[in-house]
Protein backbone atom coordinates (compact mmCIF):
# COMPACT_ATOMS: atom_id res chain seq x y z
CA MET A 1 0.07 0.11 0.05
CA SER A 2 1.29 3.37 -1.01
CA ARG A 3 2.16 6.09 1.38
CA THR A 4 0.90 9.58 0.74
CA ASP A 5 2.64 12.78 -0.26
CA PRO A 6 3.80 15.10 2.65
CA GLY A 7 1.29 17.80 1.51
CA LYS A 8 -1.59 16.39 3.49
CA ASN A 9 -2.80 18.44 6.50
CA ARG A 10 -3.35 15.98 9.43
CA TRP A 11 -6.21 18.17 10.78
CA LEU A 12 -8.03 17.88 7.56
CA ILE A 13 -7.34 14.16 7.71
CA ALA A 14 -9.18 14.23 11.20
CA LEU A 15 -12.03 16.25 9.65
CA SER A 16 -12.42 13.71 6.88
CA ALA A 17 -12.63 10.98 9.71
CA VAL A 18 -15.36 13.13 11.31
CA ALA A 19 -17.43 13.34 8.10
CA ILE A 20 -17.57 9.51 7.73
CA HIS A 21 -18.29 8.81 11.34
CA LEU A 22 -20.91 11.60 11.47
CA SER A 23 -22.71 9.75 8.69
CA ILE A 24 -22.57 6.28 9.95
CA GLY A 25 -23.39 7.74 13.42
CA SER A 26 -26.88 8.21 12.09
CA ILE A 27 -27.63 4.76 13.34
CA TYR A 28 -28.16 6.18 16.89
CA ALA A 29 -31.16 8.07 15.63
CA TYR A 30 -32.83 4.83 14.31
CA SER A 31 -35.71 5.33 16.80
CA ILE A 32 -37.05 8.02 14.43
CA TYR A 33 -38.18 5.23 12.13
CA GLN A 34 -40.02 3.17 14.67
CA ILE A 35 -43.50 4.69 14.77
CA PRO A 36 -43.50 5.86 10.99
CA LEU A 37 -42.51 2.27 9.96
CA ARG A 38 -45.24 0.79 12.22
CA ASP A 39 -47.90 3.08 10.86
CA ALA A 40 -47.12 3.03 7.32
CA GLU A 41 -46.31 -0.52 6.96
CA GLY A 42 -48.02 -2.27 9.66
CA TRP A 43 -44.67 -3.88 10.91
CA ALA A 44 -44.47 -4.75 14.70
CA THR A 45 -42.07 -2.78 16.89
CA SER A 46 -39.98 -5.93 17.40
CA GLN A 47 -39.72 -6.38 13.61
CA VAL A 48 -38.60 -2.88 13.09
CA THR A 49 -36.12 -3.20 15.94
CA LEU A 50 -34.75 -6.33 14.38
CA ALA A 51 -33.21 -4.22 11.52
CA PHE A 52 -31.23 -2.07 14.12
CA SER A 53 -30.06 -5.31 15.94
CA ILE A 54 -28.89 -6.94 12.80
CA ALA A 55 -27.15 -3.73 11.56
CA ILE A 56 -25.16 -3.50 14.99
CA PHE A 57 -24.39 -7.29 14.73
CA VAL A 58 -23.20 -6.94 11.11
CA LEU A 59 -21.04 -3.99 12.12
CA GLY A 60 -18.93 -5.85 14.56
CA VAL A 61 -18.67 -8.88 12.38
CA THR A 62 -17.68 -6.79 9.16
CA ALA A 63 -15.08 -4.84 11.32
CA ALA A 64 -13.52 -8.16 12.54
CA PHE A 65 -13.32 -9.76 9.09
CA LEU A 66 -12.46 -6.66 6.96
CA GLY A 67 -9.80 -5.11 9.27
CA LYS A 68 -7.24 -6.83 7.06
CA TYR A 69 -8.92 -5.37 4.02
CA VAL A 70 -8.22 -1.85 5.40
CA GLU A 71 -4.82 -2.60 6.15
CA LYS A 72 -4.13 -4.01 2.57
CA TYR A 73 -5.94 -1.47 0.46
CA GLY A 74 -5.65 1.64 2.71
CA PRO A 75 -8.04 4.11 4.19
CA ARG A 76 -9.23 5.74 1.02
CA LYS A 77 -10.53 2.63 -0.87
CA SER A 78 -12.01 1.13 2.26
CA GLY A 79 -13.76 4.55 2.98
CA LEU A 80 -15.17 4.66 -0.53
CA ALA A 81 -16.43 1.06 -0.18
CA ALA A 82 -18.17 1.98 3.22
CA ALA A 83 -19.62 4.90 1.42
CA VAL A 84 -21.15 2.80 -1.29
CA LEU A 85 -22.41 0.08 1.12
CA TYR A 86 -23.98 2.39 3.66
CA GLY A 87 -25.47 4.57 0.78
CA LEU A 88 -26.95 1.40 -0.90
CA GLY A 89 -28.27 0.14 2.46
CA MET A 90 -30.27 3.49 3.01
CA ILE A 91 -31.50 3.71 -0.47
CA GLY A 92 -32.44 -0.01 -0.41
CA SER A 93 -34.31 0.77 2.90
CA GLY A 94 -36.29 3.26 1.05
CA VAL A 95 -37.18 0.70 -1.95
CA SER A 96 -38.11 -1.75 0.70
CA VAL A 97 -40.56 0.73 2.26
CA MET A 98 -41.95 1.68 -1.03
CA ILE A 99 -42.89 -1.95 -1.80
CA GLY A 100 -43.71 -2.92 1.71
CA SER A 101 -41.06 -5.89 2.01
CA LEU A 102 -39.90 -6.42 5.54
CA PRO A 103 -37.33 -9.19 4.48
CA LEU A 104 -35.67 -6.66 2.05
CA PHE A 105 -35.84 -4.01 4.75
CA LEU A 106 -33.79 -6.38 7.14
CA PHE A 107 -31.34 -7.16 4.37
CA THR A 108 -30.72 -3.60 3.03
CA PHE A 109 -30.70 -1.71 6.26
CA GLY A 110 -29.46 -4.43 8.40
CA VAL A 111 -26.99 -6.38 6.32
CA VAL A 112 -25.82 -4.05 3.60
CA GLY A 113 -26.05 -0.83 5.72
CA GLY A 114 -24.50 -2.71 8.63
CA MET A 115 -21.44 -3.80 6.49
CA GLY A 116 -21.06 -0.10 5.42
CA LEU A 117 -21.32 0.83 9.06
CA GLY A 118 -18.38 -1.71 10.16
CA LEU A 119 -16.26 -0.85 7.24
CA GLY A 120 -16.72 2.96 7.73
CA TYR A 121 -15.97 2.71 11.42
CA ILE A 122 -12.58 1.27 11.28
CA SER A 123 -11.37 2.89 7.96
CA PRO A 124 -10.01 6.19 9.25
CA ILE A 125 -8.90 4.99 12.84
CA GLY A 126 -5.53 3.51 11.93
CA THR A 127 -4.73 6.27 9.74
CA LEU A 128 -5.45 8.84 12.54
CA VAL A 129 -3.27 7.01 14.97
CA GLU A 130 -0.36 7.40 12.54
CA TRP A 131 -1.16 10.96 11.92
CA PHE A 132 -1.25 11.78 15.58
CA PRO A 133 1.36 9.82 17.45
CA ASP A 134 1.56 12.54 19.84
CA ARG A 135 -2.11 12.63 20.61
CA ARG A 136 -3.48 9.17 19.99
CA GLY A 137 -6.31 9.40 22.15
CA MET A 138 -7.58 12.85 21.07
CA ALA A 139 -7.37 11.92 17.60
CA THR A 140 -9.41 8.88 17.48
CA GLY A 141 -11.76 10.72 20.08
CA LEU A 142 -12.48 13.24 17.40
CA ALA A 143 -13.36 10.91 14.80
CA VAL A 144 -15.76 8.54 16.99
CA MET A 145 -17.16 11.82 18.72
CA GLY A 146 -18.65 12.21 15.13
CA PHE A 147 -20.16 8.81 15.41
CA GLY A 148 -21.69 9.50 18.95
CA ALA A 149 -23.05 12.77 17.66
CA GLY A 150 -24.52 11.61 14.38
CA ALA A 151 -27.94 11.39 15.82
CA LEU A 152 -27.92 15.11 16.41
CA LEU A 153 -27.76 15.54 12.61
CA THR A 154 -30.12 12.79 11.50
CA GLY A 155 -32.73 13.16 14.35
CA PRO A 156 -34.13 16.57 13.52
CA LEU A 157 -33.26 16.26 9.82
CA GLY A 158 -34.72 12.73 9.26
CA ASN A 159 -37.86 13.76 11.31
CA PHE A 160 -38.49 16.72 9.22
CA LEU A 161 -38.23 14.52 5.97
CA ILE A 162 -40.51 11.97 7.42
CA GLN A 163 -43.09 14.22 8.28
CA ASN A 164 -43.08 16.37 5.18
CA TYR A 165 -42.10 13.73 2.62
CA GLY A 166 -42.60 10.42 4.01
CA VAL A 167 -40.36 7.61 5.37
CA ALA A 168 -39.27 6.16 2.01
CA THR A 169 -38.24 9.53 0.63
CA ALA A 170 -36.36 10.08 3.92
CA PHE A 171 -34.25 6.96 3.36
CA PHE A 172 -33.65 8.16 -0.02
CA ALA A 173 -32.48 11.75 0.91
CA LEU A 174 -30.42 10.58 3.73
CA GLY A 175 -28.73 7.83 1.84
CA ALA A 176 -27.72 10.36 -0.77
CA LEU A 177 -26.54 12.70 1.88
CA TYR A 178 -24.44 10.07 3.75
CA PHE A 179 -22.85 8.80 0.40
CA ALA A 180 -21.67 12.37 -0.46
CA LEU A 181 -20.28 13.13 3.02
CA MET A 182 -18.46 9.75 3.24
CA THR A 183 -17.27 9.94 -0.36
CA LEU A 184 -15.94 13.34 0.34
CA GLY A 185 -14.27 12.25 3.52
CA ALA A 186 -12.73 9.12 2.09
CA SER A 187 -11.19 10.99 -0.88
CA TYR A 188 -8.71 12.91 1.47
CA LEU A 189 -7.89 9.89 3.58
CA ALA A 190 -4.25 8.65 3.15
CA LYS A 191 -1.59 7.31 5.31
CA PRO A 192 1.44 9.70 6.17
CA PRO A 193 4.60 9.37 4.48
CA GLU A 194 7.14 6.67 5.69
CA GLY A 195 8.94 8.02 8.80
CA TRP A 196 6.80 11.09 9.07
CA LEU A 197 6.58 12.75 12.42
CA PRO A 198 4.79 15.87 13.78
CA GLU A 199 7.02 19.01 14.34
CA ASP A 200 6.98 18.50 18.20
CA MET A 201 8.43 15.12 17.87
CA GLN A 202 11.13 15.44 15.23
CA ASP A 203 13.90 16.38 17.62
CA VAL A 204 12.78 13.94 20.40
CA GLU A 205 15.14 10.85 20.69
CA GLY A 206 13.53 7.64 19.78
CA ALA A 207 10.44 9.58 18.45
CA HIS A 208 10.06 7.12 15.60
CA GLU A 209 9.76 4.07 17.76
CA LYS A 210 7.49 5.89 20.18
CA ALA A 211 5.16 6.85 17.24
CA THR A 212 4.69 3.46 15.92
CA GLY A 213 5.42 1.03 18.88
CA ALA A 214 3.59 -0.10 21.87
CA LEU A 215 4.22 0.80 25.38
CA SER A 216 7.86 0.41 26.48
CA GLY A 217 8.32 -3.31 27.18
CA LEU A 218 5.47 -4.50 24.88
CA ASP A 219 6.41 -5.89 21.43
CA VAL A 220 4.55 -4.68 18.18
CA LEU A 221 2.27 -7.44 17.19
CA THR A 222 0.29 -8.52 14.16
CA ALA A 223 -3.57 -8.80 14.37
CA ALA A 224 -3.20 -12.68 14.36
CA GLN A 225 -0.70 -12.40 17.30
CA ALA A 226 -2.65 -9.92 19.39
CA ARG A 227 -5.85 -11.98 19.47
CA THR A 228 -3.96 -14.69 21.00
CA THR A 229 -2.95 -12.62 24.03
CA PRO A 230 -4.59 -12.63 27.45
CA ARG A 231 -4.29 -8.91 27.30
CA PHE A 232 -6.47 -8.65 24.24
CA TRP A 233 -9.22 -10.73 25.72
CA LEU A 234 -9.11 -9.02 29.01
CA LEU A 235 -9.73 -5.66 27.10
CA TRP A 236 -12.36 -7.20 24.96
CA LEU A 237 -14.26 -8.25 28.23
CA VAL A 238 -13.87 -4.67 29.53
CA ILE A 239 -15.29 -3.31 26.28
CA PHE A 240 -18.10 -5.77 26.32
CA ILE A 241 -19.10 -4.84 29.74
CA ASN A 242 -18.90 -1.07 29.37
CA VAL A 243 -20.99 -1.30 26.07
CA THR A 244 -23.54 -3.58 27.58
CA ALA A 245 -24.20 -0.93 30.36
CA GLY A 246 -24.45 1.97 27.96
CA ILE A 247 -26.51 0.35 25.29
CA MET A 248 -28.99 -0.87 27.74
CA LEU A 249 -29.61 2.77 28.70
CA LEU A 250 -29.67 3.76 25.01
CA ALA A 251 -32.32 1.29 24.24
CA PHE A 252 -34.57 2.01 27.38
CA ALA A 253 -33.81 5.58 28.41
CA SER A 254 -37.25 7.08 27.70
CA PRO A 255 -39.35 4.39 29.50
CA MET A 256 -36.82 4.39 32.46
CA LEU A 257 -37.21 8.10 32.81
CA GLN A 258 -40.97 7.71 32.89
CA GLN A 259 -41.06 4.74 35.21
CA ILE A 260 -38.28 5.53 37.76
CA GLY A 261 -38.05 9.41 37.44
CA GLY A 262 -41.87 9.90 36.83
CA ALA A 263 -41.19 12.05 33.80
CA THR A 264 -43.90 12.60 31.14
CA ALA A 265 -43.57 11.09 27.54
CA THR A 266 -42.74 14.54 26.22
CA THR A 267 -40.08 15.19 28.80
CA ALA A 268 -38.48 11.82 28.42
CA ALA A 269 -38.37 12.37 24.65
CA PHE A 270 -36.73 15.87 25.23
CA ILE A 271 -34.12 14.39 27.67
CA THR A 272 -33.42 11.41 25.40
CA GLY A 273 -32.59 13.76 22.55
CA TYR A 274 -29.85 15.14 24.53
CA ILE A 275 -28.05 11.82 25.11
CA GLY A 276 -26.24 12.30 21.75
CA ILE A 277 -24.44 15.38 23.12
CA PHE A 278 -23.05 13.45 26.08
CA ASN A 279 -22.19 10.39 23.84
CA GLY A 280 -20.14 12.58 21.47
CA GLY A 281 -18.81 15.00 24.08
CA GLY A 282 -17.74 12.04 26.39
CA ARG A 283 -15.75 10.53 23.38
CA ILE A 284 -13.56 13.73 22.97
CA PHE A 285 -13.40 14.30 26.71
CA TRP A 286 -12.35 11.04 27.94
CA SER A 287 -9.97 10.28 25.03
CA THR A 288 -8.17 13.49 25.25
CA LEU A 289 -7.93 12.99 29.09
CA SER A 290 -6.62 9.56 28.54
CA ASP A 291 -3.47 11.00 26.85
CA TYR A 292 -2.47 12.40 30.23
CA ILE A 293 -3.66 9.90 32.66
CA GLY A 294 -3.39 6.86 30.81
CA ARG A 295 -5.83 4.41 29.09
CA THR A 296 -5.96 1.67 31.79
CA THR A 297 -6.70 4.41 34.48
CA THR A 298 -9.35 5.87 32.16
CA TYR A 299 -11.13 2.53 31.87
CA ALA A 300 -11.03 1.98 35.81
CA ALA A 301 -12.70 5.45 36.02
CA PHE A 302 -15.52 4.38 33.58
CA MET A 303 -16.20 1.38 35.93
CA VAL A 304 -16.03 3.41 39.20
CA ILE A 305 -18.41 6.11 37.83
CA GLN A 306 -20.93 3.42 36.49
CA ILE A 307 -20.88 1.44 39.71
CA ALA A 308 -21.95 4.42 41.66
CA ALA A 309 -24.58 5.69 39.09
CA PHE A 310 -26.19 2.18 38.49
CA PHE A 311 -26.37 1.77 42.30
CA VAL A 312 -28.08 5.21 42.95
CA MET A 313 -30.43 5.16 39.77
CA PRO A 314 -33.19 3.13 41.18
CA GLN A 315 -33.42 5.21 44.43
CA VAL A 316 -33.58 8.64 42.75
CA ALA A 317 -36.71 10.85 43.21
CA GLY A 318 -36.29 13.55 40.62
CA VAL A 319 -36.29 13.05 36.83
CA TRP A 320 -33.39 15.47 36.18
CA LEU A 321 -31.18 13.82 38.60
CA LEU A 322 -31.84 10.50 36.95
CA ALA A 323 -31.16 12.06 33.69
CA GLY A 324 -27.99 13.35 34.93
CA LEU A 325 -26.85 9.96 36.06
CA MET A 326 -27.73 8.73 32.57
CA PHE A 327 -25.70 11.39 30.93
CA LEU A 328 -22.72 10.50 33.16
CA VAL A 329 -22.91 6.79 32.14
CA ILE A 330 -23.31 7.63 28.41
CA THR A 331 -20.02 9.69 28.53
CA CYS A 332 -18.36 6.54 29.79
CA TYR A 333 -20.14 4.52 26.97
CA GLY A 334 -18.82 6.93 24.40
CA GLY A 335 -15.43 7.33 26.04
CA GLY A 336 -14.82 3.42 25.96
CA PHE A 337 -15.12 3.56 22.18
CA ALA A 338 -12.97 6.70 21.71
CA CYS A 339 -10.16 5.32 23.83
CA LEU A 340 -10.19 1.72 22.34
CA PRO A 341 -7.94 2.36 19.25
CA ALA A 342 -5.38 4.34 21.18
CA TYR A 343 -5.31 1.59 24.00
CA LEU A 344 -4.92 -1.00 21.26
CA SER A 345 -2.09 0.90 19.82
CA ASP A 346 -0.44 1.27 23.19
CA LEU A 347 -0.69 -2.46 23.82
CA PHE A 348 0.16 -3.73 20.20
CA GLY A 349 1.72 -1.00 18.27
CA THR A 350 0.33 0.80 15.12
CA ASP A 351 1.38 -1.72 12.37
CA GLU A 352 -2.07 -3.50 12.13
CA VAL A 353 -4.11 -1.52 14.48
CA SER A 354 -7.08 -1.25 12.06
CA ALA A 355 -7.39 -5.08 11.93
CA ILE A 356 -6.97 -5.39 15.82
CA HIS A 357 -9.42 -2.71 16.21
CA GLY A 358 -11.93 -4.64 14.22
CA TYR A 359 -11.61 -7.89 16.13
CA ALA A 360 -12.04 -5.86 19.35
CA LEU A 361 -15.39 -4.41 17.99
CA THR A 362 -16.83 -7.91 18.12
CA ALA A 363 -17.41 -7.03 21.80
CA TRP A 364 -19.73 -4.18 20.57
CA SER A 365 -21.81 -6.89 18.55
CA ALA A 366 -22.18 -9.10 21.46
CA ALA A 367 -22.98 -6.39 23.88
CA GLY A 368 -25.47 -4.87 21.42
CA VAL A 369 -27.63 -7.98 21.91
CA ALA A 370 -26.87 -8.64 25.67
CA GLY A 371 -27.90 -5.23 26.99
CA PRO A 372 -31.19 -4.71 25.56
CA GLN A 373 -32.01 -8.45 26.06
CA ILE A 374 -31.08 -8.38 29.74
CA ALA A 375 -33.20 -5.33 30.47
CA SER A 376 -36.19 -6.78 28.31
CA ILE A 377 -36.06 -10.19 30.18
CA VAL A 378 -35.89 -8.86 33.63
CA LEU A 379 -38.65 -6.21 32.81
CA GLU A 380 -41.01 -8.90 31.66
CA ALA A 381 -40.24 -11.04 34.73
CA THR A 382 -40.55 -8.24 37.30
CA GLY A 383 -42.56 -5.19 35.63
CA ASN A 384 -39.76 -2.63 36.58
CA TYR A 385 -36.16 -1.76 35.63
CA THR A 386 -34.68 -1.76 39.31
CA THR A 387 -33.66 -5.46 38.99
CA ALA A 388 -32.06 -4.95 35.63
CA LEU A 389 -30.18 -1.82 36.88
CA TYR A 390 -28.64 -3.85 39.89
CA ILE A 391 -27.80 -6.76 37.51
CA ILE A 392 -25.77 -4.30 35.23
CA ASN A 393 -24.23 -2.88 38.33
CA ALA A 394 -22.92 -6.37 39.31
CA LEU A 395 -21.53 -6.70 35.73
CA VAL A 396 -19.79 -3.38 35.88
CA VAL A 397 -18.19 -4.59 39.23
CA VAL A 398 -16.84 -7.46 37.23
CA GLY A 399 -15.69 -4.97 34.76
CA LEU A 400 -13.56 -3.04 37.34
CA ILE A 401 -12.07 -6.32 38.52
CA THR A 402 -11.10 -7.13 34.90
CA VAL A 403 -9.47 -3.77 34.56
CA GLY A 404 -7.43 -4.59 37.69
CA VAL A 405 -6.36 -7.93 36.17
CA LEU A 406 -5.46 -6.09 32.83
CA TYR A 407 -3.22 -3.75 34.74
CA TRP A 408 -1.42 -6.52 36.53
CA ARG A 409 -1.11 -8.31 33.21
CA ILE A 410 0.33 -5.38 31.36
CA ARG A 411 2.83 -4.40 34.28
CA SER A 412 3.96 -8.08 34.32
CA VAL A 413 4.81 -8.60 30.62
CA ARG A 414 6.52 -5.14 30.57
CA GLU A 415 8.55 -6.00 33.77
CA ALA A 416 9.41 -9.34 32.19
CA SER A 417 10.91 -7.58 29.17
CA ARG A 418 13.52 -5.50 31.05
CA PRO A 419 17.09 -6.23 30.48
CA GLY A 420 18.44 -9.35 32.32
CA GLU A 421 14.66 -10.44 32.97
CA GLY A 422 14.02 -12.34 29.63
CA THR A 423 12.10 -11.15 26.70
CA VAL A 424 8.59 -10.65 26.12
CA SER A 425 6.56 -13.51 24.14
CA THR A 426 4.36 -12.34 21.34
CA THR A 427 1.63 -14.61 22.78
CA ASP A 428 2.16 -13.03 26.28
């Protein structure tokens, strides 16, 4: 894969990544289609929701299996392929609605669109890590902030199109818009020149090794090697737990606000609309902070904050206090995604970080099923969300323990690699 010319601006590279993630982040506004599709097509809520679940599942699977494709063909071709897939998925969804075909809708939105989501999500990430070796967390946080904030664009625009032109036309228009934005962003993406360093690192001793390598004492690994290490699977479990907790709130925020906080449907909808701000804002805040306090410390903070929040939630009396706790948890949810690529670079180097990132995102696919299902099963059995919140809280406690084990594992491997103490194995 060829490297780019030195004329590229790394901040425009970041902006290009944001354009892609802002487009695919529209998946977080999927709820705007629920009632229109039910009313227009007569599809059950569970049938409409199934398309969302399929899309999230396919996202993770695609990211895992096409990470090598991104490494081989580069971010530009991968990003363009993502634009075609996601655009076709949205436009195909419009066709499905026009002819009233649920199976076609599940295939176009869930499978084709989901493939575009997965490929679009990982395409710019490895490139950003290489362009910002001095600010790995901040750079990847900028991109996935766009994903978290995608609902802010699609929510009002999609609702306007549905109300005035119908749900099929909304899919057509949004599909064309996303295709244009993603194509524009992908067209500028490129790897930095071989040996390139930002100005503030050019005179630093060992800067190239710091830019491309892992933490001191950890080997640079291929994707195949990385997924055989205990530290990869410990991090996978941490991500799974963090996403399970957050996505449960995303799926049930409105009814929880009404049942626990006593909010009206209108107030709950208003508050839910602001979740995207905290999802996106949490991504850039936590990822930037992680550059200073370290990624392991950041993930430990996520778990501690959520343990406290999920413990208090069932006992709160006011709707806005409950909303504040939800917003806090959602910042941790978004921050977990934002810090992940930089953390993987710390642990395994940047050589195949896109492929490793793809494997790690299978945790998202699994959690996308687990979080809502846990809440649904418990709600049906008990009639309230209190038990579900306590179960998620117990899971987050396991997450905190896992972060502690991960910290111990990383420290052990780094200490074993010190001169005179042997060398670190590529399989841990």
